[in-house]
Every structure is written in structure tokens, then in C-alpha cells.
């Protein structure tokens, strides 16, 4: 599973996950730091990436496009948390949802809750 960390999360999240063995890139590393959500979405589809974001717009794009990819991990209620906490939250949950994300899903993940929906969204 390859992860693309969105601009609303620190590049430190990508580096931390990479240091732990995850195949992870931050949007800034691929020239998409100021790109539109549509451009990031399309890049993720083209390269088979799972988007990790704190932005609910990707869920809306999945619904509007009735898309089966890319999978999205939407971090919720994390704005006040340190990037190390984002990393810990992802590490604690990604292994249990990797199969779902590989098949096409959106995961809503907060410090207290994990919810999954298969793609396409209905």
C-alpha cells in the first residue's frame, strides 16, 4: 500500500511513516503542495496511491465521481494534535484496514473511532 499525505498534514507525517517502513510520499515531494484536490485525486488514481488527509473534500469527490479509487483515509478531530500523534494514530489502524483500502474504501479515523465504507459510495 502506497500512501500520499495531503498538504493539510505535515511532511513530518510522511517522513515518520517512511522511517517505519511505509511507502509514503507527501504532496510537496511530488510538486502538488498547492494543487487542487482534483489534481491530487487524479495523481493518486494514476499512481495507485491511498490519500491520507484531514480534508473532507476527498470524500465528496469520491461520491460525486462515483469512483472506486483512490482509497482515502480521512483523519478527523486531529487539528490540535502533533504530527507524532497523527503517525501513531495511523500506525495503530492502517494494518487492520489495509485489505479494505486495497480493494477501495474510505476510512474515517479519529482518536476514538474508525469507520469504513466501501467504494463506490452510494
PDB file of N, CA and C in Angstrom:
ATOM      1  N   UNK A   1       0.859  -1.178   0.000  1.00  0.00           N
ATOM      2  CA  UNK A   1       0.000   0.000   0.000  1.00  0.00           C
ATOM      3  C   UNK A   1       0.900   1.235   0.000  1.00  0.00           C
ATOM      4  N   UNK A   2       0.634   2.123  -0.948  1.00  0.00           N
ATOM      5  CA  UNK A   2       1.386   3.366  -1.063  1.00  0.00           C
ATOM      6  C   UNK A   2       0.493   4.511  -0.602  1.00  0.00           C
ATOM      7  N   UNK A   3       1.038   5.363   0.256  1.00  0.00           N
ATOM      8  CA  UNK A   3       0.264   6.461   0.837  1.00  0.00           C
ATOM      9  C   UNK A   3       0.720   7.805   0.288  1.00  0.00           C
ATOM     10  N   UNK A   4      -0.237   8.686   0.046  1.00  0.00           N
ATOM     11  CA  UNK A   4       0.021  10.068  -0.345  1.00  0.00           C
ATOM     12  C   UNK A   4      -0.548  10.958   0.746  1.00  0.00           C
ATOM     13  N   UNK A   5       0.326  11.673   1.442  1.00  0.00           N
ATOM     14  CA  UNK A   5      -0.090  12.539   2.544  1.00  0.00           C
ATOM     15  C   UNK A   5      -0.450  13.908   1.977  1.00  0.00           C
ATOM     16  N   UNK A   6      -1.642  14.364   2.281  1.00  0.00           N
ATOM     17  CA  UNK A   6      -2.165  15.632   1.771  1.00  0.00           C
ATOM     18  C   UNK A   6      -1.480  16.822   2.436  1.00  0.00           C
ATOM     19  N   UNK A   7      -1.619  17.992   1.811  1.00  0.00           N
ATOM     20  CA  UNK A   7      -0.975  19.222   2.264  1.00  0.00           C
ATOM     21  C   UNK A   7      -1.437  19.685   3.635  1.00  0.00           C
ATOM     22  N   UNK A   8      -2.638  19.260   4.056  1.00  0.00           N
ATOM     23  CA  UNK A   8      -3.121  19.709   5.367  1.00  0.00           C
ATOM     24  C   UNK A   8      -2.524  18.900   6.512  1.00  0.00           C
ATOM     25  N   UNK A   9      -1.654  17.963   6.194  1.00  0.00           N
ATOM     26  CA  UNK A   9      -0.893  17.228   7.199  1.00  0.00           C
ATOM     27  C   UNK A   9       0.591  17.515   6.973  1.00  0.00           C
ATOM     28  N   UNK A  10       1.343  17.516   8.033  1.00  0.00           N
ATOM     29  CA  UNK A  10       2.752  17.868   7.977  1.00  0.00           C
ATOM     30  C   UNK A  10       3.569  16.866   7.161  1.00  0.00           C
ATOM     31  N   UNK A  11       4.587  17.354   6.442  1.00  0.00           N
ATOM     32  CA  UNK A  11       5.531  16.443   5.794  1.00  0.00           C
ATOM     33  C   UNK A  11       6.196  15.501   6.807  1.00  0.00           C
ATOM     34  N   UNK A  12       6.214  15.922   8.056  1.00  0.00           N
ATOM     35  CA  UNK A  12       6.761  15.093   9.135  1.00  0.00           C
ATOM     36  C   UNK A  12       6.001  13.765   9.245  1.00  0.00           C
ATOM     37  N   UNK A  13       4.709  13.779   8.919  1.00  0.00           N
ATOM     38  CA  UNK A  13       3.911  12.549   8.944  1.00  0.00           C
ATOM     39  C   UNK A  13       4.444  11.579   7.895  1.00  0.00           C
ATOM     40  N   UNK A  14       4.703  12.071   6.699  1.00  0.00           N
ATOM     41  CA  UNK A  14       5.243  11.213   5.635  1.00  0.00           C
ATOM     42  C   UNK A  14       6.611  10.669   6.027  1.00  0.00           C
ATOM     43  N   UNK A  15       7.474  11.527   6.536  1.00  0.00           N
ATOM     44  CA  UNK A  15       8.816  11.082   6.931  1.00  0.00           C
ATOM     45  C   UNK A  15       8.751  10.049   8.045  1.00  0.00           C
ATOM     46  N   UNK A  16       7.899  10.298   9.036  1.00  0.00           N
ATOM     47  CA  UNK A  16       7.777   9.372  10.158  1.00  0.00           C
ATOM     48  C   UNK A  16       7.272   8.005   9.728  1.00  0.00           C
ATOM     49  N   UNK A  17       6.270   7.989   8.858  1.00  0.00           N
ATOM     50  CA  UNK A  17       5.743   6.719   8.363  1.00  0.00           C
ATOM     51  C   UNK A  17       6.786   5.999   7.500  1.00  0.00           C
ATOM     52  N   UNK A  18       7.500   6.771   6.687  1.00  0.00           N
ATOM     53  CA  UNK A  18       8.552   6.188   5.843  1.00  0.00           C
ATOM     54  C   UNK A  18       9.640   5.545   6.702  1.00  0.00           C
ATOM     55  N   UNK A  19      10.020   6.239   7.774  1.00  0.00           N
ATOM     56  CA  UNK A  19      11.034   5.703   8.697  1.00  0.00           C
ATOM     57  C   UNK A  19      10.594   4.382   9.319  1.00  0.00           C
ATOM     58  N   UNK A  20       9.288   4.168   9.391  1.00  0.00           N
ATOM     59  CA  UNK A  20       8.739   2.939   9.972  1.00  0.00           C
ATOM     60  C   UNK A  20       8.424   1.881   8.902  1.00  0.00           C
ATOM     61  N   UNK A  21       8.821   2.146   7.671  1.00  0.00           N
ATOM     62  CA  UNK A  21       8.680   1.143   6.627  1.00  0.00           C
ATOM     63  C   UNK A  21       7.491   1.297   5.701  1.00  0.00           C
ATOM     64  N   UNK A  22       6.702   2.339   5.877  1.00  0.00           N
ATOM     65  CA  UNK A  22       5.555   2.572   4.995  1.00  0.00           C
ATOM     66  C   UNK A  22       6.026   3.284   3.725  1.00  0.00           C
ATOM     67  N   UNK A  23       5.447   2.933   2.590  1.00  0.00           N
ATOM     68  CA  UNK A  23       5.738   3.571   1.314  1.00  0.00           C
ATOM     69  C   UNK A  23       4.884   4.842   1.259  1.00  0.00           C
ATOM     70  N   UNK A  24       5.492   5.950   1.621  1.00  0.00           N
ATOM     71  CA  UNK A  24       4.740   7.186   1.856  1.00  0.00           C
ATOM     72  C   UNK A  24       5.410   8.376   1.193  1.00  0.00           C
ATOM     73  N   UNK A  25       4.583   9.244   0.605  1.00  0.00           N
ATOM     74  CA  UNK A  25       5.038  10.477  -0.026  1.00  0.00           C
ATOM     75  C   UNK A  25       4.128  11.608   0.415  1.00  0.00           C
ATOM     76  N   UNK A  26       4.693  12.770   0.629  1.00  0.00           N
ATOM     77  CA  UNK A  26       3.896  13.972   0.906  1.00  0.00           C
ATOM     78  C   UNK A  26       3.671  14.686  -0.423  1.00  0.00           C
ATOM     79  N   UNK A  27       2.528  15.337  -0.572  1.00  0.00           N
ATOM     80  CA  UNK A  27       2.219  16.034  -1.828  1.00  0.00           C
ATOM     81  C   UNK A  27       3.312  17.029  -2.225  1.00  0.00           C
ATOM     82  N   UNK A  28       3.991  17.620  -1.253  1.00  0.00           N
ATOM     83  CA  UNK A  28       5.068  18.575  -1.564  1.00  0.00           C
ATOM     84  C   UNK A  28       6.222  17.901  -2.291  1.00  0.00           C
ATOM     85  N   UNK A  29       6.421  16.623  -2.049  1.00  0.00           N
ATOM     86  CA  UNK A  29       7.537  15.889  -2.666  1.00  0.00           C
ATOM     87  C   UNK A  29       7.287  15.566  -4.140  1.00  0.00           C
ATOM     88  N   UNK A  30       6.049  15.708  -4.575  1.00  0.00           N
ATOM     89  CA  UNK A  30       5.711  15.414  -5.976  1.00  0.00           C
ATOM     90  C   UNK A  30       5.126  16.642  -6.680  1.00  0.00           C
ATOM     91  N   UNK A  31       5.422  17.833  -6.150  1.00  0.00           N
ATOM     92  CA  UNK A  31       5.011  19.071  -6.804  1.00  0.00           C
ATOM     93  C   UNK A  31       3.529  19.387  -6.710  1.00  0.00           C
ATOM     94  N   UNK A  32       2.842  18.818  -5.705  1.00  0.00           N
ATOM     95  CA  UNK A  32       1.396  19.034  -5.586  1.00  0.00           C
ATOM     96  C   UNK A  32       0.998  19.806  -4.325  1.00  0.00           C
ATOM     97  N   UNK A  33       1.958  20.499  -3.711  1.00  0.00           N
ATOM     98  CA  UNK A  33       1.662  21.188  -2.451  1.00  0.00           C
ATOM     99  C   UNK A  33       0.515  22.183  -2.588  1.00  0.00           C
ATOM    100  N   UNK A  34       0.462  22.907  -3.687  1.00  0.00           N
ATOM    101  CA  UNK A  34      -0.592  23.906  -3.873  1.00  0.00           C
ATOM    102  C   UNK A  34      -1.622  23.464  -4.920  1.00  0.00           C
ATOM    103  N   UNK A  35      -1.591  22.199  -5.274  1.00  0.00           N
ATOM    104  CA  UNK A  35      -2.507  21.681  -6.296  1.00  0.00           C
ATOM    105  C   UNK A  35      -3.931  21.593  -5.767  1.00  0.00           C
ATOM    106  N   UNK A  36      -4.864  21.571  -6.683  1.00  0.00           N
ATOM    107  CA  UNK A  36      -6.269  21.404  -6.318  1.00  0.00           C
ATOM    108  C   UNK A  36      -6.505  19.975  -5.837  1.00  0.00           C
ATOM    109  N   UNK A  37      -7.587  19.794  -5.090  1.00  0.00           N
ATOM    110  CA  UNK A  37      -7.963  18.454  -4.657  1.00  0.00           C
ATOM    111  C   UNK A  37      -8.185  17.537  -5.860  1.00  0.00           C
ATOM    112  N   UNK A  38      -8.751  18.073  -6.934  1.00  0.00           N
ATOM    113  CA  UNK A  38      -8.960  17.287  -8.150  1.00  0.00           C
ATOM    114  C   UNK A  38      -7.634  16.764  -8.707  1.00  0.00           C
ATOM    115  N   UNK A  39      -6.608  17.618  -8.731  1.00  0.00           N
ATOM    116  CA  UNK A  39      -5.297  17.209  -9.250  1.00  0.00           C
ATOM    117  C   UNK A  39      -4.664  16.150  -8.356  1.00  0.00           C
ATOM    118  N   UNK A  40      -4.787  16.316  -7.050  1.00  0.00           N
ATOM    119  CA  UNK A  40      -4.252  15.329  -6.102  1.00  0.00           C
ATOM    120  C   UNK A  40      -4.997  14.014  -6.254  1.00  0.00           C
ATOM    121  N   UNK A  41      -6.305  14.083  -6.368  1.00  0.00           N
ATOM    122  CA  UNK A  41      -7.147  12.909  -6.572  1.00  0.00           C
ATOM    123  C   UNK A  41      -6.697  12.155  -7.830  1.00  0.00           C
ATOM    124  N   UNK A  42      -6.547  12.878  -8.933  1.00  0.00           N
ATOM    125  CA  UNK A  42      -6.153  12.258 -10.192  1.00  0.00           C
ATOM    126  C   UNK A  42      -4.754  11.647 -10.106  1.00  0.00           C
ATOM    127  N   UNK A  43      -3.844  12.318  -9.431  1.00  0.00           N
ATOM    128  CA  UNK A  43      -2.483  11.794  -9.238  1.00  0.00           C
ATOM    129  C   UNK A  43      -2.543  10.482  -8.454  1.00  0.00           C
ATOM    130  N   UNK A  44      -3.358  10.445  -7.413  1.00  0.00           N
ATOM    131  CA  UNK A  44      -3.489   9.231  -6.608  1.00  0.00           C
ATOM    132  C   UNK A  44      -4.052   8.083  -7.434  1.00  0.00           C
ATOM    133  N   UNK A  45      -5.038   8.360  -8.277  1.00  0.00           N
ATOM    134  CA  UNK A  45      -5.607   7.317  -9.141  1.00  0.00           C
ATOM    135  C   UNK A  45      -4.539   6.798 -10.100  1.00  0.00           C
ATOM    136  N   UNK A  46      -3.837   7.699 -10.767  1.00  0.00           N
ATOM    137  CA  UNK A  46      -2.831   7.327 -11.763  1.00  0.00           C
ATOM    138  C   UNK A  46      -1.720   6.465 -11.163  1.00  0.00           C
ATOM    139  N   UNK A  47      -1.339   6.772  -9.923  1.00  0.00           N
ATOM    140  CA  UNK A  47      -0.191   6.104  -9.310  1.00  0.00           C
ATOM    141  C   UNK A  47      -0.576   5.051  -8.269  1.00  0.00           C
ATOM    142  N   UNK A  48      -1.864   4.770  -8.130  1.00  0.00           N
ATOM    143  CA  UNK A  48      -2.310   3.734  -7.199  1.00  0.00           C
ATOM    144  C   UNK A  48      -2.031   4.052  -5.745  1.00  0.00           C
ATOM    145  N   UNK A  49      -2.267   5.303  -5.360  1.00  0.00           N
ATOM    146  CA  UNK A  49      -1.970   5.768  -4.008  1.00  0.00           C
ATOM    147  C   UNK A  49      -3.235   5.886  -3.156  1.00  0.00           C
ATOM    148  N   UNK A  50      -3.075   5.682  -1.871  1.00  0.00           N
ATOM    149  CA  UNK A  50      -4.135   5.941  -0.893  1.00  0.00           C
ATOM    150  C   UNK A  50      -3.890   7.341  -0.346  1.00  0.00           C
ATOM    151  N   UNK A  51      -4.895   8.196  -0.424  1.00  0.00           N
ATOM    152  CA  UNK A  51      -4.768   9.565   0.094  1.00  0.00           C
ATOM    153  C   UNK A  51      -5.030   9.559   1.594  1.00  0.00           C
ATOM    154  N   UNK A  52      -4.116  10.180   2.344  1.00  0.00           N
ATOM    155  CA  UNK A  52      -4.297  10.389   3.781  1.00  0.00           C
ATOM    156  C   UNK A  52      -4.464  11.889   3.967  1.00  0.00           C
ATOM    157  N   UNK A  53      -5.590  12.305   4.535  1.00  0.00           N
ATOM    158  CA  UNK A  53      -5.944  13.721   4.575  1.00  0.00           C
ATOM    159  C   UNK A  53      -6.756  14.052   5.819  1.00  0.00           C
ATOM    160  N   UNK A  54      -6.804  15.326   6.132  1.00  0.00           N
ATOM    161  CA  UNK A  54      -7.719  15.827   7.161  1.00  0.00           C
ATOM    162  C   UNK A  54      -8.831  16.633   6.498  1.00  0.00           C
ATOM    163  N   UNK A  55      -8.944  16.499   5.188  1.00  0.00           N
ATOM    164  CA  UNK A  55      -9.868  17.284   4.367  1.00  0.00           C
ATOM    165  C   UNK A  55     -11.051  16.410   3.926  1.00  0.00           C
ATOM    166  N   UNK A  56     -12.255  16.817   4.256  1.00  0.00           N
ATOM    167  CA  UNK A  56     -13.438  16.035   3.891  1.00  0.00           C
ATOM    168  C   UNK A  56     -13.785  16.139   2.405  1.00  0.00           C
ATOM    169  N   UNK A  57     -13.125  17.032   1.667  1.00  0.00           N
ATOM    170  CA  UNK A  57     -13.432  17.208   0.251  1.00  0.00           C
ATOM    171  C   UNK A  57     -13.165  15.948  -0.572  1.00  0.00           C
ATOM    172  N   UNK A  58     -12.227  15.118  -0.156  1.00  0.00           N
ATOM    173  CA  UNK A  58     -11.937  13.911  -0.929  1.00  0.00           C
ATOM    174  C   UNK A  58     -13.096  12.926  -0.873  1.00  0.00           C
ATOM    175  N   UNK A  59     -13.784  12.859   0.246  1.00  0.00           N
ATOM    176  CA  UNK A  59     -14.991  12.038   0.327  1.00  0.00           C
ATOM    177  C   UNK A  59     -16.053  12.541  -0.627  1.00  0.00           C
ATOM    178  N   UNK A  60     -16.184  13.852  -0.717  1.00  0.00           N
ATOM    179  CA  UNK A  60     -17.145  14.443  -1.640  1.00  0.00           C
ATOM    180  C   UNK A  60     -16.767  14.123  -3.091  1.00  0.00           C
ATOM    181  N   UNK A  61     -15.480  14.220  -3.415  1.00  0.00           N
ATOM    182  CA  UNK A  61     -15.043  13.890  -4.775  1.00  0.00           C
ATOM    183  C   UNK A  61     -15.329  12.432  -5.105  1.00  0.00           C
ATOM    184  N   UNK A  62     -15.077  11.530  -4.155  1.00  0.00           N
ATOM    185  CA  UNK A  62     -15.390  10.117  -4.376  1.00  0.00           C
ATOM    186  C   UNK A  62     -16.871   9.931  -4.676  1.00  0.00           C
ATOM    187  N   UNK A  63     -17.713  10.619  -3.914  1.00  0.00           N
ATOM    188  CA  UNK A  63     -19.156  10.479  -4.100  1.00  0.00           C
ATOM    189  C   UNK A  63     -19.607  11.076  -5.433  1.00  0.00           C
ATOM    190  N   UNK A  64     -19.135  12.271  -5.739  1.00  0.00           N
ATOM    191  CA  UNK A  64     -19.542  12.942  -6.983  1.00  0.00           C
ATOM    192  C   UNK A  64     -19.101  12.170  -8.222  1.00  0.00           C
ATOM    193  N   UNK A  65     -17.915  11.599  -8.156  1.00  0.00           N
ATOM    194  CA  UNK A  65     -17.388  10.861  -9.302  1.00  0.00           C
ATOM    195  C   UNK A  65     -17.838   9.399  -9.312  1.00  0.00           C
ATOM    196  N   UNK A  66     -18.468   8.973  -8.221  1.00  0.00           N
ATOM    197  CA  UNK A  66     -18.829   7.555  -8.060  1.00  0.00           C
ATOM    198  C   UNK A  66     -17.620   6.669  -8.347  1.00  0.00           C
ATOM    199  N   UNK A  67     -16.489   7.105  -7.797  1.00  0.00           N
ATOM    200  CA  UNK A  67     -15.208   6.470  -8.072  1.00  0.00           C
ATOM    201  C   UNK A  67     -14.971   5.246  -7.190  1.00  0.00           C
ATOM    202  N   UNK A  68     -14.206   4.317  -7.727  1.00  0.00           N
ATOM    203  CA  UNK A  68     -13.805   3.134  -6.965  1.00  0.00           C
ATOM    204  C   UNK A  68     -12.363   3.278  -6.464  1.00  0.00           C
ATOM    205  N   UNK A  69     -11.723   4.355  -6.854  1.00  0.00           N
ATOM    206  CA  UNK A  69     -10.395   4.681  -6.354  1.00  0.00           C
ATOM    207  C   UNK A  69     -10.179   6.181  -6.532  1.00  0.00           C
ATOM    208  N   UNK A  70      -9.313   6.786  -5.764  1.00  0.00           N
ATOM    209  CA  UNK A  70      -8.399   6.184  -4.815  1.00  0.00           C
ATOM    210  C   UNK A  70      -9.078   5.948  -3.471  1.00  0.00           C
ATOM    211  N   UNK A  71      -8.515   5.039  -2.704  1.00  0.00           N
ATOM    212  CA  UNK A  71      -8.965   4.913  -1.320  1.00  0.00           C
ATOM    213  C   UNK A  71      -8.488   6.142  -0.558  1.00  0.00           C
ATOM    214  N   UNK A  72      -9.222   6.481   0.498  1.00  0.00           N
ATOM    215  CA  UNK A  72      -8.925   7.670   1.286  1.00  0.00           C
ATOM    216  C   UNK A  72      -8.978   7.322   2.770  1.00  0.00           C
ATOM    217  N   UNK A  73      -7.997   7.834   3.508  1.00  0.00           N
ATOM    218  CA  UNK A  73      -8.036   7.783   4.966  1.00  0.00           C
ATOM    219  C   UNK A  73      -8.243   9.220   5.413  1.00  0.00           C
ATOM    220  N   UNK A  74      -9.418   9.492   5.971  1.00  0.00           N
ATOM    221  CA  UNK A  74      -9.776  10.844   6.415  1.00  0.00           C
ATOM    222  C   UNK A  74      -9.564  10.924   7.921  1.00  0.00           C
ATOM    223  N   UNK A  75      -8.540  11.662   8.328  1.00  0.00           N
ATOM    224  CA  UNK A  75      -8.286  11.876   9.755  1.00  0.00           C
ATOM    225  C   UNK A  75      -9.217  12.970  10.246  1.00  0.00           C
ATOM    226  N   UNK A  76      -9.932  12.664  11.297  1.00  0.00           N
ATOM    227  CA  UNK A  76     -10.906  13.608  11.855  1.00  0.00           C
ATOM    228  C   UNK A  76     -10.532  13.943  13.291  1.00  0.00           C
ATOM    229  N   UNK A  77     -10.895  15.133  13.691  1.00  0.00           N
ATOM    230  CA  UNK A  77     -10.656  15.609  15.060  1.00  0.00           C
ATOM    231  C   UNK A  77      -9.177  15.516  15.437  1.00  0.00           C
ATOM    232  N   UNK A  78      -8.317  15.901  14.485  1.00  0.00           N
ATOM    233  CA  UNK A  78      -6.877  15.806  14.726  1.00  0.00           C
ATOM    234  C   UNK A  78      -6.151  17.147  14.570  1.00  0.00           C
ATOM    235  N   UNK A  79      -6.876  18.214  14.313  1.00  0.00           N
ATOM    236  CA  UNK A  79      -6.254  19.504  14.029  1.00  0.00           C
ATOM    237  C   UNK A  79      -5.328  19.975  15.144  1.00  0.00           C
ATOM    238  N   UNK A  80      -5.680  19.674  16.368  1.00  0.00           N
ATOM    239  CA  UNK A  80      -4.876  20.140  17.504  1.00  0.00           C
ATOM    240  C   UNK A  80      -3.763  19.170  17.887  1.00  0.00           C
ATOM    241  N   UNK A  81      -3.705  18.036  17.204  1.00  0.00           N
ATOM    242  CA  UNK A  81      -2.711  17.024  17.546  1.00  0.00           C
ATOM    243  C   UNK A  81      -1.383  17.284  16.837  1.00  0.00           C
ATOM    244  N   UNK A  82      -0.307  16.855  17.458  1.00  0.00           N
ATOM    245  CA  UNK A  82       1.051  16.949  16.906  1.00  0.00           C
ATOM    246  C   UNK A  82       1.215  15.894  15.792  1.00  0.00           C
ATOM    247  N   UNK A  83       2.052  16.158  14.804  1.00  0.00           N
ATOM    248  CA  UNK A  83       2.281  15.156  13.758  1.00  0.00           C
ATOM    249  C   UNK A  83       2.665  13.769  14.304  1.00  0.00           C
ATOM    250  N   UNK A  84       3.376  13.708  15.401  1.00  0.00           N
ATOM    251  CA  UNK A  84       3.702  12.406  16.005  1.00  0.00           C
ATOM    252  C   UNK A  84       2.439  11.658  16.411  1.00  0.00           C
ATOM    253  N   UNK A  85       1.419  12.395  16.838  1.00  0.00           N
ATOM    254  CA  UNK A  85       0.141  11.767  17.188  1.00  0.00           C
ATOM    255  C   UNK A  85      -0.583  11.270  15.940  1.00  0.00           C
ATOM    256  N   UNK A  86      -0.461  12.004  14.832  1.00  0.00           N
ATOM    257  CA  UNK A  86      -1.045  11.559  13.557  1.00  0.00           C
ATOM    258  C   UNK A  86      -0.387  10.241  13.136  1.00  0.00           C
ATOM    259  N   UNK A  87       0.933  10.196  13.246  1.00  0.00           N
ATOM    260  CA  UNK A  87       1.681   8.982  12.896  1.00  0.00           C
ATOM    261  C   UNK A  87       1.222   7.815  13.762  1.00  0.00           C
ATOM    262  N   UNK A  88       1.136   8.032  15.064  1.00  0.00           N
ATOM    263  CA  UNK A  88       0.727   6.964  15.984  1.00  0.00           C
ATOM    264  C   UNK A  88      -0.678   6.463  15.661  1.00  0.00           C
ATOM    265  N   UNK A  89      -1.579   7.374  15.349  1.00  0.00           N
ATOM    266  CA  UNK A  89      -2.952   7.003  15.009  1.00  0.00           C
ATOM    267  C   UNK A  89      -2.983   6.148  13.736  1.00  0.00           C
ATOM    268  N   UNK A  90      -2.204   6.548  12.753  1.00  0.00           N
ATOM    269  CA  UNK A  90      -2.151   5.786  11.503  1.00  0.00           C
ATOM    270  C   UNK A  90      -1.520   4.413  11.721  1.00  0.00           C
ATOM    271  N   UNK A  91      -0.424   4.366  12.435  1.00  0.00           N
ATOM    272  CA  UNK A  91       0.254   3.089  12.680  1.00  0.00           C
ATOM    273  C   UNK A  91      -0.658   2.127  13.441  1.00  0.00           C
ATOM    274  N   UNK A  92      -1.426   2.649  14.357  1.00  0.00           N
ATOM    275  CA  UNK A  92      -2.317   1.802  15.154  1.00  0.00           C
ATOM    276  C   UNK A  92      -3.471   1.235  14.334  1.00  0.00           C
ATOM    277  N   UNK A  93      -3.813   1.877  13.223  1.00  0.00           N
ATOM    278  CA  UNK A  93      -5.011   1.477  12.475  1.00  0.00           C
ATOM    279  C   UNK A  93      -4.774   0.968  11.060  1.00  0.00           C
ATOM    280  N   UNK A  94      -3.732   1.412  10.391  1.00  0.00           N
ATOM    281  CA  UNK A  94      -3.529   1.009   8.991  1.00  0.00           C
ATOM    282  C   UNK A  94      -3.445  -0.504   8.792  1.00  0.00           C
ATOM    283  N   UNK A  95      -2.740  -1.242   9.641  1.00  0.00           N
ATOM    284  CA  UNK A  95      -2.674  -2.691   9.396  1.00  0.00           C
ATOM    285  C   UNK A  95      -4.043  -3.370   9.365  1.00  0.00           C
ATOM    286  N   UNK A  96      -4.965  -2.908  10.181  1.00  0.00           N
ATOM    287  CA  UNK A  96      -6.279  -3.558  10.244  1.00  0.00           C
ATOM    288  C   UNK A  96      -7.196  -3.174   9.074  1.00  0.00           C
ATOM    289  N   UNK A  97      -6.860  -2.112   8.333  1.00  0.00           N
ATOM    290  CA  UNK A  97      -7.716  -1.688   7.223  1.00  0.00           C
ATOM    291  C   UNK A  97      -7.022  -1.773   5.869  1.00  0.00           C
ATOM    292  N   UNK A  98      -5.810  -2.303   5.837  1.00  0.00           N
ATOM    293  CA  UNK A  98      -5.039  -2.355   4.594  1.00  0.00           C
ATOM    294  C   UNK A  98      -5.773  -3.113   3.490  1.00  0.00           C
ATOM    295  N   UNK A  99      -6.382  -4.240   3.819  1.00  0.00           N
ATOM    296  CA  UNK A  99      -7.114  -5.017   2.814  1.00  0.00           C
ATOM    297  C   UNK A  99      -8.281  -4.218   2.261  1.00  0.00           C
ATOM    298  N   UNK A 100      -9.020  -3.541   3.133  1.00  0.00           N
ATOM    299  CA  UNK A 100     -10.149  -2.711   2.697  1.00  0.00           C
ATOM    300  C   UNK A 100      -9.677  -1.598   1.764  1.00  0.00           C
ATOM    301  N   UNK A 101      -8.590  -0.931   2.145  1.00  0.00           N
ATOM    302  CA  UNK A 101      -8.070   0.155   1.323  1.00  0.00           C
ATOM    303  C   UNK A 101      -7.573  -0.368  -0.023  1.00  0.00           C
ATOM    304  N   UNK A 102      -7.020  -1.566  -0.030  1.00  0.00           N
ATOM    305  CA  UNK A 102      -6.548  -2.162  -1.271  1.00  0.00           C
ATOM    306  C   UNK A 102      -7.669  -2.475  -2.244  1.00  0.00           C
ATOM    307  N   UNK A 103      -8.842  -2.727  -1.709  1.00  0.00           N
ATOM    308  CA  UNK A 103      -9.990  -3.062  -2.545  1.00  0.00           C
ATOM    309  C   UNK A 103     -10.822  -1.830  -2.910  1.00  0.00           C
ATOM    310  N   UNK A 104     -10.620  -0.737  -2.197  1.00  0.00           N
ATOM    311  CA  UNK A 104     -11.356   0.502  -2.470  1.00  0.00           C
ATOM    312  C   UNK A 104     -12.273   0.855  -1.330  1.00  0.00           C
ATOM    313  N   UNK A 105     -11.853   1.818  -0.494  1.00  0.00           N
ATOM    314  CA  UNK A 105     -12.646   2.206   0.672  1.00  0.00           C
ATOM    315  C   UNK A 105     -12.268   3.608   1.110  1.00  0.00           C
ATOM    316  N   UNK A 106     -13.150   4.184   1.895  1.00  0.00           N
ATOM    317  CA  UNK A 106     -12.830   5.413   2.603  1.00  0.00           C
ATOM    318  C   UNK A 106     -12.907   5.086   4.083  1.00  0.00           C
ATOM    319  N   UNK A 107     -11.849   5.445   4.792  1.00  0.00           N
ATOM    320  CA  UNK A 107     -11.786   5.222   6.230  1.00  0.00           C
ATOM    321  C   UNK A 107     -11.855   6.571   6.921  1.00  0.00           C
ATOM    322  N   UNK A 108     -12.747   6.682   7.872  1.00  0.00           N
ATOM    323  CA  UNK A 108     -12.851   7.861   8.706  1.00  0.00           C
ATOM    324  C   UNK A 108     -12.218   7.491  10.043  1.00  0.00           C
ATOM    325  N   UNK A 109     -11.147   8.176  10.388  1.00  0.00           N
ATOM    326  CA  UNK A 109     -10.336   7.783  11.527  1.00  0.00           C
ATOM    327  C   UNK A 109     -10.134   8.956  12.473  1.00  0.00           C
ATOM    328  N   UNK A 110     -10.501   8.758  13.721  1.00  0.00           N
ATOM    329  CA  UNK A 110     -10.276   9.759  14.763  1.00  0.00           C
ATOM    330  C   UNK A 110      -9.600   9.057  15.936  1.00  0.00           C
ATOM    331  N   UNK A 111      -9.171   9.813  16.935  1.00  0.00           N
ATOM    332  CA  UNK A 111      -8.556   9.166  18.095  1.00  0.00           C
ATOM    333  C   UNK A 111      -9.488   8.195  18.825  1.00  0.00           C
ATOM    334  N   UNK A 112     -10.790   8.308  18.597  1.00  0.00           N
ATOM    335  CA  UNK A 112     -11.735   7.448  19.325  1.00  0.00           C
ATOM    336  C   UNK A 112     -12.580   6.547  18.437  1.00  0.00           C
ATOM    337  N   UNK A 113     -12.430   6.661  17.095  1.00  0.00           N
ATOM    338  CA  UNK A 113     -13.361   5.931  16.231  1.00  0.00           C
ATOM    339  C   UNK A 113     -12.730   5.620  14.877  1.00  0.00           C
ATOM    340  N   UNK A 114     -13.103   4.473  14.333  1.00  0.00           N
ATOM    341  CA  UNK A 114     -12.734   4.087  12.981  1.00  0.00           C
ATOM    342  C   UNK A 114     -13.995   3.608  12.277  1.00  0.00           C
ATOM    343  N   UNK A 115     -14.291   4.187  11.121  1.00  0.00           N
ATOM    344  CA  UNK A 115     -15.429   3.756  10.324  1.00  0.00           C
ATOM    345  C   UNK A 115     -14.948   3.561   8.893  1.00  0.00           C
ATOM    346  N   UNK A 116     -15.456   2.516   8.239  1.00  0.00           N
ATOM    347  CA  UNK A 116     -15.078   2.194   6.866  1.00  0.00           C
ATOM    348  C   UNK A 116     -16.303   2.134   5.978  1.00  0.00           C
ATOM    349  N   UNK A 117     -16.142   2.614   4.745  1.00  0.00           N
ATOM    350  CA  UNK A 117     -17.194   2.457   3.728  1.00  0.00           C
ATOM    351  C   UNK A 117     -16.514   2.022   2.445  1.00  0.00           C
ATOM    352  N   UNK A 118     -17.084   1.008   1.807  1.00  0.00           N
ATOM    353  CA  UNK A 118     -16.563   0.542   0.535  1.00  0.00           C
ATOM    354  C   UNK A 118     -16.866   1.541  -0.575  1.00  0.00           C
ATOM    355  N   UNK A 119     -16.009   1.543  -1.585  1.00  0.00           N
ATOM    356  CA  UNK A 119     -16.227   2.355  -2.771  1.00  0.00           C
ATOM    357  C   UNK A 119     -16.841   1.494  -3.863  1.00  0.00           C
ATOM    358  N   UNK A 120     -17.664   2.053  -4.730  1.00  0.00           N
ATOM    359  CA  UNK A 120     -18.051   3.455  -4.766  1.00  0.00           C
ATOM    360  C   UNK A 120     -19.070   3.784  -3.665  1.00  0.00           C
ATOM    361  N   UNK A 121     -19.049   5.038  -3.233  1.00  0.00           N
ATOM    362  CA  UNK A 121     -20.012   5.491  -2.239  1.00  0.00           C
ATOM    363  C   UNK A 121     -21.383   5.554  -2.859  1.00  0.00           C
ATOM    364  N   UNK A 122     -22.379   5.142  -2.111  1.00  0.00           N
ATOM    365  CA  UNK A 122     -23.751   5.167  -2.618  1.00  0.00           C
ATOM    366  C   UNK A 122     -24.576   6.132  -1.801  1.00  0.00           C
TER     367      UNK A 122
END
